[in-house]
Amino acid sequence: MKSILPAIILTCLMPLFLLSQHVPDTSILKLIAPDTFRAVMVTTKGEIIIEAYRAWSPKGVDRLFQLITSGFYSDNCIFRVQPEYVIQFGISDHADANFFWDKRPIPDEPVVGHNLKGVISYARDGKNSRTAQLFINTKDNYKLDTVDYNGLRGFPPIARIIRGFEVVEAFYSTYGFEPANHQDSVMVKGNAYWEEHFPGLDYIISVNIDD
């Protein structure tokens, strides 16, 4: 009788193989988000529930849906924490995942919503540079609706926190903006860089669509 041992070994190894795949198939870029959806964000300080609105930024919310579906935000460091301004995250522990999304920015869109306390928007640099990094407004930042930044007007919101803002207020904030100056290193070296140079930072453990 043919041995089934190789098949058993392969079956046992498949979960490990799948866990090692950090880059999604490009078909994920075809996912379109519902008009509204909620997601549960589990962090080292507790749970946050967000609600996304496609009417605010269709391309931005589609990308958020793709990122969450791919598991991109698992083990994501919350590296910029400014209690009277914003908190920022969105760099993977895996360089291959970072480069996958970094090479696929989404087009710019007009600002429809407002950067109020608890509202989430993409961080961006120049034109058409939104990829995976997000920030949460920790106060009403009306100026971020209209500020002229690198030739762009404002930061389009995509979602808001509907439960758990007290978790955001508890994130480790001693370093303030400084870790954001080291993003290039983390894009390649991953969370080990944060842990070596900025111990104590909080993390997003997982983000999942709330069915």
N, C-alpha and C. Protein backbone atom coordinates (compact mmCIF):
# COMPACT_ATOMS: atom_id res chain seq x y z
N MET A 1 0.85 -1.19 0.00
CA MET A 1 0.00 0.00 0.00
C MET A 1 0.89 1.25 0.00
N LYS A 2 0.48 2.26 -0.76
CA LYS A 2 1.25 3.49 -0.87
C LYS A 2 1.24 4.22 0.47
N SER A 3 2.39 4.66 0.89
CA SER A 3 2.48 5.35 2.18
C SER A 3 1.79 6.71 2.11
N ILE A 4 1.05 7.03 3.17
CA ILE A 4 0.39 8.33 3.23
C ILE A 4 1.21 9.32 4.07
N LEU A 5 2.40 8.88 4.53
CA LEU A 5 3.22 9.74 5.37
C LEU A 5 3.60 11.06 4.70
N PRO A 6 4.07 11.04 3.43
CA PRO A 6 4.40 12.33 2.80
C PRO A 6 3.22 13.28 2.76
N ALA A 7 2.02 12.75 2.51
CA ALA A 7 0.84 13.61 2.45
C ALA A 7 0.54 14.22 3.81
N ILE A 8 0.73 13.38 4.86
CA ILE A 8 0.50 13.88 6.22
C ILE A 8 1.49 14.99 6.55
N ILE A 9 2.76 14.78 6.19
CA ILE A 9 3.78 15.79 6.46
C ILE A 9 3.46 17.08 5.73
N LEU A 10 3.06 16.96 4.45
CA LEU A 10 2.75 18.14 3.66
C LEU A 10 1.58 18.89 4.26
N THR A 11 0.55 18.15 4.69
CA THR A 11 -0.62 18.78 5.30
C THR A 11 -0.25 19.52 6.57
N CYS A 12 0.64 18.93 7.35
CA CYS A 12 1.06 19.57 8.60
C CYS A 12 1.89 20.82 8.35
N LEU A 13 2.67 20.78 7.27
CA LEU A 13 3.55 21.91 6.98
C LEU A 13 2.83 23.06 6.29
N MET A 14 1.69 22.79 5.66
CA MET A 14 1.00 23.83 4.89
C MET A 14 0.66 25.06 5.71
N PRO A 15 0.14 24.92 6.96
CA PRO A 15 -0.13 26.13 7.73
C PRO A 15 1.12 26.96 7.95
N LEU A 16 2.26 26.29 8.20
CA LEU A 16 3.50 27.04 8.39
C LEU A 16 3.91 27.74 7.11
N PHE A 17 3.70 27.07 5.97
CA PHE A 17 4.04 27.67 4.68
C PHE A 17 3.18 28.89 4.42
N LEU A 18 1.88 28.77 4.71
CA LEU A 18 0.97 29.88 4.46
C LEU A 18 1.29 31.05 5.37
N LEU A 19 1.68 30.75 6.61
CA LEU A 19 2.02 31.83 7.53
C LEU A 19 3.27 32.57 7.10
N SER A 20 4.10 31.93 6.29
CA SER A 20 5.33 32.58 5.87
C SER A 20 5.11 33.50 4.67
N GLN A 21 3.90 33.45 4.10
CA GLN A 21 3.61 34.27 2.93
C GLN A 21 3.06 35.62 3.37
N HIS A 22 3.87 36.67 3.23
CA HIS A 22 3.47 37.99 3.71
C HIS A 22 2.96 38.88 2.58
N VAL A 23 3.24 38.48 1.33
CA VAL A 23 2.83 39.27 0.19
C VAL A 23 1.57 38.65 -0.41
N PRO A 24 0.48 39.41 -0.50
CA PRO A 24 -0.75 38.84 -1.06
C PRO A 24 -0.67 38.71 -2.57
N ASP A 25 -1.56 37.90 -3.11
CA ASP A 25 -1.68 37.83 -4.56
C ASP A 25 -2.23 39.17 -5.07
N THR A 26 -1.82 39.57 -6.26
CA THR A 26 -2.26 40.87 -6.79
C THR A 26 -3.77 40.93 -7.00
N SER A 27 -4.44 39.79 -6.98
CA SER A 27 -5.90 39.79 -7.13
C SER A 27 -6.58 40.54 -5.99
N ILE A 28 -5.88 40.68 -4.87
CA ILE A 28 -6.48 41.39 -3.73
C ILE A 28 -6.75 42.85 -4.08
N LEU A 29 -6.03 43.37 -5.05
CA LEU A 29 -6.21 44.77 -5.46
C LEU A 29 -7.55 45.00 -6.15
N LYS A 30 -8.25 43.93 -6.49
CA LYS A 30 -9.55 44.04 -7.14
C LYS A 30 -10.70 44.10 -6.13
N LEU A 31 -10.39 43.88 -4.85
CA LEU A 31 -11.44 43.90 -3.83
C LEU A 31 -12.05 45.29 -3.70
N ILE A 32 -13.36 45.34 -3.67
CA ILE A 32 -14.09 46.59 -3.47
C ILE A 32 -14.77 46.52 -2.10
N ALA A 33 -14.59 47.54 -1.31
CA ALA A 33 -15.17 47.56 0.04
C ALA A 33 -16.68 47.79 -0.01
N PRO A 34 -17.39 47.31 1.01
CA PRO A 34 -18.81 47.69 1.15
C PRO A 34 -18.90 49.20 1.37
N ASP A 35 -20.10 49.75 1.20
CA ASP A 35 -20.28 51.19 1.41
C ASP A 35 -19.84 51.61 2.82
N THR A 36 -20.13 50.73 3.76
CA THR A 36 -19.72 50.94 5.15
C THR A 36 -19.32 49.59 5.73
N PHE A 37 -18.26 49.57 6.50
CA PHE A 37 -17.91 48.34 7.21
C PHE A 37 -17.20 48.67 8.51
N ARG A 38 -17.24 47.72 9.42
CA ARG A 38 -16.56 47.87 10.71
C ARG A 38 -15.41 46.88 10.81
N ALA A 39 -14.42 47.25 11.59
CA ALA A 39 -13.29 46.36 11.82
C ALA A 39 -12.90 46.44 13.29
N VAL A 40 -12.43 45.31 13.81
CA VAL A 40 -12.00 45.23 15.20
C VAL A 40 -10.47 45.24 15.23
N MET A 41 -9.93 46.19 15.94
CA MET A 41 -8.48 46.35 16.07
C MET A 41 -8.07 45.96 17.49
N VAL A 42 -7.33 44.88 17.61
CA VAL A 42 -6.85 44.43 18.91
C VAL A 42 -5.44 44.96 19.11
N THR A 43 -5.21 45.68 20.19
CA THR A 43 -3.90 46.28 20.45
C THR A 43 -3.37 45.82 21.80
N THR A 44 -2.14 46.19 22.07
CA THR A 44 -1.53 45.85 23.36
C THR A 44 -2.16 46.61 24.52
N LYS A 45 -2.99 47.59 24.22
CA LYS A 45 -3.68 48.33 25.28
C LYS A 45 -5.18 48.04 25.34
N GLY A 46 -5.67 47.25 24.39
CA GLY A 46 -7.09 46.95 24.39
C GLY A 46 -7.68 46.95 22.98
N GLU A 47 -9.00 46.92 22.91
CA GLU A 47 -9.70 46.75 21.64
C GLU A 47 -10.32 48.06 21.16
N ILE A 48 -10.21 48.29 19.85
CA ILE A 48 -10.78 49.47 19.20
C ILE A 48 -11.68 48.99 18.07
N ILE A 49 -12.84 49.61 17.91
CA ILE A 49 -13.70 49.31 16.77
C ILE A 49 -13.79 50.54 15.88
N ILE A 50 -13.50 50.34 14.60
CA ILE A 50 -13.57 51.43 13.65
C ILE A 50 -14.68 51.18 12.64
N GLU A 51 -15.16 52.25 12.05
CA GLU A 51 -16.17 52.16 11.00
C GLU A 51 -15.68 52.98 9.81
N ALA A 52 -15.65 52.36 8.63
CA ALA A 52 -15.15 53.00 7.41
C ALA A 52 -16.32 53.38 6.51
N TYR A 53 -16.15 54.49 5.78
CA TYR A 53 -17.21 55.03 4.93
C TYR A 53 -16.66 55.26 3.53
N ARG A 54 -17.11 54.46 2.60
CA ARG A 54 -16.59 54.55 1.23
C ARG A 54 -16.92 55.90 0.60
N ALA A 55 -18.00 56.53 1.00
CA ALA A 55 -18.38 57.83 0.45
C ALA A 55 -17.34 58.90 0.74
N TRP A 56 -16.59 58.71 1.81
CA TRP A 56 -15.56 59.69 2.16
C TRP A 56 -14.37 59.63 1.21
N SER A 57 -14.02 58.41 0.80
CA SER A 57 -12.82 58.23 -0.02
C SER A 57 -12.88 56.82 -0.63
N PRO A 58 -13.55 56.66 -1.77
CA PRO A 58 -13.75 55.31 -2.33
C PRO A 58 -12.46 54.52 -2.51
N LYS A 59 -11.45 55.13 -3.10
CA LYS A 59 -10.19 54.41 -3.32
C LYS A 59 -9.46 54.15 -2.01
N GLY A 60 -9.55 55.10 -1.09
CA GLY A 60 -8.91 54.94 0.20
C GLY A 60 -9.53 53.84 1.03
N VAL A 61 -10.86 53.75 1.01
CA VAL A 61 -11.54 52.73 1.79
C VAL A 61 -11.38 51.35 1.14
N ASP A 62 -11.37 51.31 -0.18
CA ASP A 62 -11.09 50.04 -0.86
C ASP A 62 -9.71 49.52 -0.44
N ARG A 63 -8.72 50.41 -0.42
CA ARG A 63 -7.38 50.00 -0.02
C ARG A 63 -7.35 49.54 1.43
N LEU A 64 -8.05 50.24 2.31
CA LEU A 64 -8.12 49.81 3.71
C LEU A 64 -8.70 48.40 3.80
N PHE A 65 -9.75 48.15 3.06
CA PHE A 65 -10.39 46.83 3.06
C PHE A 65 -9.41 45.77 2.56
N GLN A 66 -8.65 46.08 1.53
CA GLN A 66 -7.64 45.16 1.00
C GLN A 66 -6.54 44.88 2.02
N LEU A 67 -6.06 45.93 2.66
CA LEU A 67 -4.99 45.79 3.65
C LEU A 67 -5.43 44.93 4.84
N ILE A 68 -6.63 45.20 5.34
CA ILE A 68 -7.14 44.43 6.48
C ILE A 68 -7.34 42.97 6.07
N THR A 69 -7.92 42.76 4.90
CA THR A 69 -8.16 41.40 4.43
C THR A 69 -6.86 40.62 4.28
N SER A 70 -5.80 41.29 3.87
CA SER A 70 -4.51 40.62 3.68
C SER A 70 -3.77 40.36 4.98
N GLY A 71 -4.25 40.95 6.09
CA GLY A 71 -3.57 40.79 7.38
C GLY A 71 -2.40 41.72 7.57
N PHE A 72 -2.32 42.76 6.76
CA PHE A 72 -1.16 43.65 6.80
C PHE A 72 -0.95 44.29 8.17
N TYR A 73 -2.01 44.63 8.85
CA TYR A 73 -1.86 45.38 10.10
C TYR A 73 -1.58 44.51 11.33
N SER A 74 -1.45 43.22 11.16
CA SER A 74 -1.06 42.37 12.29
C SER A 74 0.37 42.69 12.70
N ASP A 75 0.62 42.76 14.00
CA ASP A 75 1.96 43.05 14.55
C ASP A 75 2.52 44.36 14.01
N ASN A 76 1.66 45.36 13.94
CA ASN A 76 2.04 46.69 13.46
C ASN A 76 2.35 47.61 14.64
N CYS A 77 3.51 48.23 14.60
CA CYS A 77 3.90 49.12 15.69
C CYS A 77 3.19 50.48 15.57
N ILE A 78 2.74 50.99 16.69
CA ILE A 78 2.17 52.33 16.74
C ILE A 78 3.33 53.26 17.10
N PHE A 79 3.99 53.75 16.07
CA PHE A 79 5.31 54.36 16.26
C PHE A 79 5.31 55.87 16.48
N ARG A 80 4.25 56.52 16.14
CA ARG A 80 4.17 57.97 16.37
C ARG A 80 2.96 58.24 17.25
N VAL A 81 3.20 58.74 18.44
CA VAL A 81 2.10 59.00 19.37
C VAL A 81 2.25 60.42 19.93
N GLN A 82 1.42 61.30 19.40
CA GLN A 82 1.39 62.69 19.86
C GLN A 82 -0.02 62.96 20.41
N PRO A 83 -0.18 62.89 21.72
CA PRO A 83 -1.51 62.94 22.34
C PRO A 83 -2.35 64.15 21.94
N GLU A 84 -1.73 65.25 21.61
CA GLU A 84 -2.50 66.44 21.23
C GLU A 84 -2.49 66.67 19.73
N TYR A 85 -2.26 65.60 18.97
CA TYR A 85 -2.24 65.75 17.52
C TYR A 85 -2.70 64.47 16.82
N VAL A 86 -1.78 63.51 16.62
CA VAL A 86 -2.13 62.27 15.91
C VAL A 86 -1.33 61.10 16.46
N ILE A 87 -1.82 59.88 16.17
CA ILE A 87 -0.99 58.69 16.33
C ILE A 87 -0.91 58.02 14.96
N GLN A 88 0.22 57.37 14.66
CA GLN A 88 0.45 56.84 13.32
C GLN A 88 0.97 55.41 13.36
N PHE A 89 0.57 54.62 12.35
CA PHE A 89 1.03 53.24 12.22
C PHE A 89 0.92 52.84 10.75
N GLY A 90 1.39 51.62 10.42
CA GLY A 90 1.23 51.15 9.05
C GLY A 90 2.50 50.69 8.37
N ILE A 91 3.48 50.21 9.16
CA ILE A 91 4.69 49.60 8.58
C ILE A 91 4.73 48.16 9.06
N SER A 92 4.77 47.24 8.12
CA SER A 92 4.76 45.81 8.45
C SER A 92 6.10 45.38 9.04
N ASP A 93 6.05 44.28 9.77
CA ASP A 93 7.27 43.64 10.27
C ASP A 93 8.02 42.95 9.14
N HIS A 94 7.42 42.87 7.97
CA HIS A 94 7.98 42.12 6.84
C HIS A 94 8.27 43.04 5.67
N ALA A 95 9.53 43.13 5.28
CA ALA A 95 9.94 44.04 4.22
C ALA A 95 9.21 43.75 2.91
N ASP A 96 8.99 42.47 2.61
CA ASP A 96 8.34 42.14 1.34
C ASP A 96 6.92 42.69 1.28
N ALA A 97 6.20 42.66 2.40
CA ALA A 97 4.86 43.22 2.44
C ALA A 97 4.89 44.73 2.28
N ASN A 98 5.84 45.38 2.95
CA ASN A 98 5.97 46.83 2.82
C ASN A 98 6.20 47.24 1.37
N PHE A 99 7.08 46.54 0.69
CA PHE A 99 7.42 46.91 -0.67
C PHE A 99 6.29 46.58 -1.65
N PHE A 100 5.51 45.53 -1.36
CA PHE A 100 4.37 45.20 -2.20
C PHE A 100 3.40 46.38 -2.25
N TRP A 101 3.03 46.90 -1.08
CA TRP A 101 2.06 47.98 -1.03
C TRP A 101 2.69 49.32 -1.41
N ASP A 102 3.94 49.52 -1.05
CA ASP A 102 4.61 50.78 -1.34
C ASP A 102 4.70 51.02 -2.86
N LYS A 103 4.78 49.95 -3.62
CA LYS A 103 4.88 50.07 -5.08
C LYS A 103 3.50 50.25 -5.73
N ARG A 104 2.45 50.23 -4.91
CA ARG A 104 1.10 50.31 -5.46
C ARG A 104 0.28 51.39 -4.75
N PRO A 105 0.69 52.64 -4.84
CA PRO A 105 -0.07 53.72 -4.21
C PRO A 105 -1.41 53.93 -4.91
N ILE A 106 -2.32 54.56 -4.20
CA ILE A 106 -3.63 54.85 -4.78
C ILE A 106 -3.72 56.33 -5.16
N PRO A 107 -4.55 56.65 -6.15
CA PRO A 107 -4.67 58.04 -6.60
C PRO A 107 -5.23 58.95 -5.51
N ASP A 108 -4.89 60.21 -5.60
CA ASP A 108 -5.41 61.20 -4.66
C ASP A 108 -6.91 61.41 -4.86
N GLU A 109 -7.57 61.80 -3.79
CA GLU A 109 -9.00 62.11 -3.82
C GLU A 109 -9.25 63.38 -3.02
N PRO A 110 -10.33 64.08 -3.29
CA PRO A 110 -10.63 65.30 -2.54
C PRO A 110 -11.00 64.97 -1.09
N VAL A 111 -10.84 65.94 -0.23
CA VAL A 111 -11.22 65.79 1.17
C VAL A 111 -12.72 65.98 1.29
N VAL A 112 -13.40 64.93 1.75
CA VAL A 112 -14.85 64.99 1.91
C VAL A 112 -15.23 65.05 3.39
N GLY A 113 -14.65 64.15 4.18
CA GLY A 113 -14.92 64.17 5.62
C GLY A 113 -14.07 65.20 6.33
N HIS A 114 -14.06 65.14 7.66
CA HIS A 114 -13.28 66.10 8.46
C HIS A 114 -12.38 65.34 9.44
N ASN A 115 -11.20 65.86 9.65
CA ASN A 115 -10.22 65.24 10.55
C ASN A 115 -10.53 65.63 12.00
N LEU A 116 -11.61 65.07 12.48
CA LEU A 116 -12.03 65.30 13.86
C LEU A 116 -11.42 64.26 14.78
N LYS A 117 -11.52 64.46 16.06
CA LYS A 117 -11.01 63.53 17.05
C LYS A 117 -11.57 62.13 16.79
N GLY A 118 -10.67 61.15 16.67
CA GLY A 118 -11.08 59.78 16.45
C GLY A 118 -11.22 59.39 14.99
N VAL A 119 -11.04 60.35 14.08
CA VAL A 119 -11.15 60.06 12.65
C VAL A 119 -9.80 59.58 12.11
N ILE A 120 -9.85 58.65 11.17
CA ILE A 120 -8.65 58.01 10.62
C ILE A 120 -8.45 58.44 9.18
N SER A 121 -7.22 58.82 8.84
CA SER A 121 -6.86 59.22 7.48
C SER A 121 -5.53 58.59 7.11
N TYR A 122 -5.22 58.61 5.81
CA TYR A 122 -3.91 58.14 5.36
C TYR A 122 -2.85 59.21 5.58
N ALA A 123 -1.68 58.78 6.01
CA ALA A 123 -0.50 59.63 5.93
C ALA A 123 -0.06 59.64 4.47
N ARG A 124 0.42 60.76 3.99
CA ARG A 124 0.90 60.80 2.61
C ARG A 124 1.97 61.85 2.47
N ASP A 125 2.75 61.74 1.40
CA ASP A 125 3.88 62.64 1.18
C ASP A 125 3.56 63.55 -0.01
N GLY A 126 3.94 63.10 -1.23
CA GLY A 126 3.64 63.89 -2.41
C GLY A 126 2.36 63.39 -3.08
N LYS A 127 2.21 63.72 -4.34
CA LYS A 127 1.01 63.33 -5.08
C LYS A 127 0.92 61.82 -5.23
N ASN A 128 -0.31 61.31 -5.12
CA ASN A 128 -0.59 59.88 -5.31
C ASN A 128 0.34 58.99 -4.49
N SER A 129 0.48 59.30 -3.21
CA SER A 129 1.43 58.58 -2.35
C SER A 129 0.76 57.80 -1.22
N ARG A 130 -0.55 57.70 -1.21
CA ARG A 130 -1.22 56.93 -0.15
C ARG A 130 -1.00 55.44 -0.39
N THR A 131 -0.47 54.75 0.61
CA THR A 131 -0.21 53.31 0.46
C THR A 131 -0.82 52.52 1.62
N ALA A 132 -0.20 52.56 2.80
CA ALA A 132 -0.67 51.73 3.91
C ALA A 132 -0.64 52.44 5.26
N GLN A 133 0.10 53.55 5.37
CA GLN A 133 0.22 54.20 6.67
C GLN A 133 -1.02 55.05 6.97
N LEU A 134 -1.50 54.92 8.19
CA LEU A 134 -2.68 55.64 8.65
C LEU A 134 -2.36 56.46 9.88
N PHE A 135 -3.17 57.48 10.12
CA PHE A 135 -3.07 58.19 11.40
C PHE A 135 -4.47 58.39 11.96
N ILE A 136 -4.52 58.42 13.28
CA ILE A 136 -5.75 58.68 14.02
C ILE A 136 -5.63 60.08 14.63
N ASN A 137 -6.59 60.91 14.37
CA ASN A 137 -6.60 62.24 14.99
C ASN A 137 -6.91 62.11 16.47
N THR A 138 -6.04 62.67 17.30
CA THR A 138 -6.28 62.60 18.74
C THR A 138 -6.96 63.86 19.28
N LYS A 139 -7.26 64.79 18.37
CA LYS A 139 -8.09 65.95 18.69
C LYS A 139 -8.71 66.42 17.37
N ASP A 140 -9.56 67.42 17.43
CA ASP A 140 -10.11 67.97 16.20
C ASP A 140 -9.02 68.73 15.45
N ASN A 141 -8.62 68.21 14.31
CA ASN A 141 -7.55 68.81 13.51
C ASN A 141 -8.13 69.38 12.21
N TYR A 142 -8.91 70.43 12.34
CA TYR A 142 -9.55 71.02 11.16
C TYR A 142 -8.53 71.45 10.11
N LYS A 143 -7.35 71.85 10.54
CA LYS A 143 -6.35 72.33 9.58
C LYS A 143 -5.93 71.23 8.62
N LEU A 144 -6.06 69.96 9.04
CA LEU A 144 -5.66 68.85 8.16
C LEU A 144 -6.66 68.62 7.03
N ASP A 145 -7.80 69.31 7.08
CA ASP A 145 -8.76 69.24 5.97
C ASP A 145 -8.32 70.11 4.80
N THR A 146 -7.56 71.17 5.10
CA THR A 146 -7.28 72.17 4.06
C THR A 146 -5.80 72.52 3.90
N VAL A 147 -4.94 72.00 4.76
CA VAL A 147 -3.54 72.38 4.71
C VAL A 147 -2.93 72.03 3.35
N ASP A 148 -2.08 72.91 2.85
CA ASP A 148 -1.37 72.66 1.60
C ASP A 148 -0.07 71.94 1.94
N TYR A 149 0.02 70.67 1.57
CA TYR A 149 1.19 69.86 1.93
C TYR A 149 1.76 69.22 0.68
N ASN A 150 2.95 69.61 0.29
CA ASN A 150 3.62 69.07 -0.90
C ASN A 150 2.73 69.10 -2.14
N GLY A 151 2.05 70.23 -2.30
CA GLY A 151 1.23 70.41 -3.48
C GLY A 151 -0.15 69.78 -3.41
N LEU A 152 -0.51 69.24 -2.24
CA LEU A 152 -1.82 68.61 -2.06
C LEU A 152 -2.61 69.36 -1.02
N ARG A 153 -3.93 69.32 -1.16
CA ARG A 153 -4.78 70.01 -0.20
C ARG A 153 -5.43 69.00 0.74
N GLY A 154 -5.01 69.02 1.98
CA GLY A 154 -5.65 68.24 3.02
C GLY A 154 -5.40 66.73 2.96
N PHE A 155 -5.92 66.05 3.99
CA PHE A 155 -5.79 64.61 4.15
C PHE A 155 -7.20 64.00 4.21
N PRO A 156 -7.58 63.22 3.20
CA PRO A 156 -8.95 62.67 3.15
C PRO A 156 -9.19 61.59 4.21
N PRO A 157 -10.16 61.79 5.09
CA PRO A 157 -10.52 60.75 6.06
C PRO A 157 -11.12 59.53 5.39
N ILE A 158 -11.01 58.38 6.06
CA ILE A 158 -11.59 57.15 5.54
C ILE A 158 -12.47 56.43 6.57
N ALA A 159 -12.26 56.70 7.85
CA ALA A 159 -12.98 55.94 8.89
C ALA A 159 -12.94 56.72 10.20
N ARG A 160 -13.64 56.18 11.19
CA ARG A 160 -13.60 56.80 12.52
C ARG A 160 -13.71 55.71 13.58
N ILE A 161 -13.22 56.02 14.74
CA ILE A 161 -13.35 55.11 15.88
C ILE A 161 -14.73 55.28 16.48
N ILE A 162 -15.45 54.18 16.62
CA ILE A 162 -16.78 54.26 17.22
C ILE A 162 -16.79 53.67 18.63
N ARG A 163 -15.71 52.97 18.99
CA ARG A 163 -15.61 52.44 20.35
C ARG A 163 -14.14 52.21 20.68
N GLY A 164 -13.73 52.63 21.87
CA GLY A 164 -12.37 52.34 22.33
C GLY A 164 -11.38 53.47 22.18
N PHE A 165 -11.86 54.71 22.11
CA PHE A 165 -10.89 55.81 21.97
C PHE A 165 -10.01 55.92 23.21
N GLU A 166 -10.50 55.45 24.35
CA GLU A 166 -9.67 55.48 25.56
C GLU A 166 -8.42 54.61 25.40
N VAL A 167 -8.50 53.62 24.52
CA VAL A 167 -7.32 52.79 24.22
C VAL A 167 -6.26 53.63 23.51
N VAL A 168 -6.69 54.42 22.55
CA VAL A 168 -5.78 55.32 21.82
C VAL A 168 -5.08 56.26 22.80
N GLU A 169 -5.83 56.77 23.76
CA GLU A 169 -5.28 57.72 24.73
C GLU A 169 -4.27 57.06 25.66
N ALA A 170 -4.27 55.73 25.71
CA ALA A 170 -3.35 55.01 26.61
C ALA A 170 -2.06 54.58 25.92
N PHE A 171 -1.92 54.78 24.61
CA PHE A 171 -0.72 54.35 23.91
C PHE A 171 0.52 55.08 24.42
N TYR A 172 1.64 54.34 24.45
CA TYR A 172 2.90 54.86 24.96
C TYR A 172 3.36 56.05 24.11
N SER A 173 3.54 57.20 24.75
CA SER A 173 3.77 58.44 24.00
C SER A 173 5.09 59.15 24.32
N THR A 174 5.95 58.51 25.08
CA THR A 174 7.17 59.17 25.53
C THR A 174 8.03 59.68 24.37
N TYR A 175 8.10 58.92 23.27
CA TYR A 175 8.98 59.28 22.17
C TYR A 175 8.39 60.32 21.23
N GLY A 176 7.08 60.55 21.32
CA GLY A 176 6.46 61.54 20.46
C GLY A 176 6.65 61.24 18.98
N PHE A 177 7.13 62.23 18.24
CA PHE A 177 7.31 62.10 16.79
C PHE A 177 8.59 61.37 16.41
N GLU A 178 9.58 61.34 17.28
CA GLU A 178 10.92 60.87 16.93
C GLU A 178 10.97 59.53 16.18
N PRO A 179 10.24 58.49 16.60
CA PRO A 179 10.33 57.23 15.85
C PRO A 179 9.97 57.37 14.37
N ALA A 180 9.14 58.34 14.04
CA ALA A 180 8.75 58.53 12.64
C ALA A 180 9.93 58.92 11.76
N ASN A 181 10.99 59.40 12.36
CA ASN A 181 12.20 59.75 11.60
C ASN A 181 12.98 58.51 11.16
N HIS A 182 12.58 57.33 11.63
CA HIS A 182 13.34 56.10 11.38
C HIS A 182 12.56 55.10 10.50
N GLN A 183 11.59 55.58 9.78
CA GLN A 183 10.73 54.69 9.00
C GLN A 183 11.49 53.89 7.95
N ASP A 184 12.45 54.51 7.29
CA ASP A 184 13.18 53.79 6.24
C ASP A 184 13.88 52.55 6.78
N SER A 185 14.44 52.65 7.99
CA SER A 185 15.12 51.51 8.60
C SER A 185 14.13 50.39 8.91
N VAL A 186 12.96 50.78 9.41
CA VAL A 186 11.97 49.77 9.80
C VAL A 186 11.36 49.09 8.58
N MET A 187 11.24 49.82 7.48
CA MET A 187 10.70 49.23 6.25
C MET A 187 11.50 47.98 5.86
N VAL A 188 12.80 48.00 6.19
CA VAL A 188 13.69 46.88 5.83
C VAL A 188 13.90 45.92 7.00
N LYS A 189 14.12 46.46 8.19
CA LYS A 189 14.51 45.64 9.34
C LYS A 189 13.34 45.15 10.19
N GLY A 190 12.18 45.75 10.01
CA GLY A 190 11.00 45.29 10.74
C GLY A 190 10.96 45.72 12.20
N ASN A 191 10.11 45.06 12.98
CA ASN A 191 9.87 45.45 14.36
C ASN A 191 11.09 45.34 15.26
N ALA A 192 12.05 44.53 14.86
CA ALA A 192 13.27 44.41 15.66
C ALA A 192 13.93 45.77 15.84
N TYR A 193 13.80 46.62 14.84
CA TYR A 193 14.39 47.96 14.94
C TYR A 193 13.67 48.78 16.00
N TRP A 194 12.34 48.74 16.00
CA TRP A 194 11.60 49.47 17.03
C TRP A 194 11.99 48.97 18.42
N GLU A 195 12.05 47.65 18.55
CA GLU A 195 12.31 47.07 19.86
C GLU A 195 13.69 47.41 20.38
N GLU A 196 14.65 47.53 19.47
CA GLU A 196 16.01 47.88 19.90
C GLU A 196 16.14 49.35 20.24
N HIS A 197 15.57 50.21 19.44
CA HIS A 197 15.79 51.64 19.58
C HIS A 197 14.67 52.39 20.32
N PHE A 198 13.46 51.83 20.33
CA PHE A 198 12.34 52.50 20.97
C PHE A 198 11.50 51.50 21.77
N PRO A 199 12.10 50.91 22.80
CA PRO A 199 11.36 49.93 23.60
C PRO A 199 10.16 50.57 24.29
N GLY A 200 9.10 49.79 24.43
CA GLY A 200 7.91 50.27 25.13
C GLY A 200 6.77 50.69 24.23
N LEU A 201 7.04 50.83 22.93
CA LEU A 201 5.97 51.22 22.02
C LEU A 201 4.87 50.17 21.99
N ASP A 202 3.65 50.62 21.75
CA ASP A 202 2.52 49.70 21.66
C ASP A 202 2.39 49.14 20.25
N TYR A 203 1.61 48.05 20.14
CA TYR A 203 1.43 47.38 18.86
C TYR A 203 -0.04 47.08 18.59
N ILE A 204 -0.37 47.05 17.31
CA ILE A 204 -1.64 46.48 16.87
C ILE A 204 -1.38 44.98 16.68
N ILE A 205 -2.08 44.17 17.41
CA ILE A 205 -1.90 42.73 17.34
C ILE A 205 -2.59 42.16 16.10
N SER A 206 -3.81 42.63 15.84
CA SER A 206 -4.56 42.16 14.68
C SER A 206 -5.67 43.15 14.35
N VAL A 207 -6.09 43.12 13.09
CA VAL A 207 -7.28 43.88 12.65
C VAL A 207 -8.08 42.95 11.77
N ASN A 208 -9.37 42.82 12.06
CA ASN A 208 -10.24 41.93 11.29
C ASN A 208 -11.58 42.61 11.00
N ILE A 209 -12.09 42.35 9.80
CA ILE A 209 -13.41 42.85 9.45
C ILE A 209 -14.43 42.26 10.40
N ASP A 210 -15.31 43.12 10.91
CA ASP A 210 -16.36 42.68 11.85
C ASP A 210 -17.60 42.30 11.06
N ASP A 211 -17.84 41.00 10.97
CA ASP A 211 -19.01 40.52 10.23
C ASP A 211 -20.29 40.68 11.05
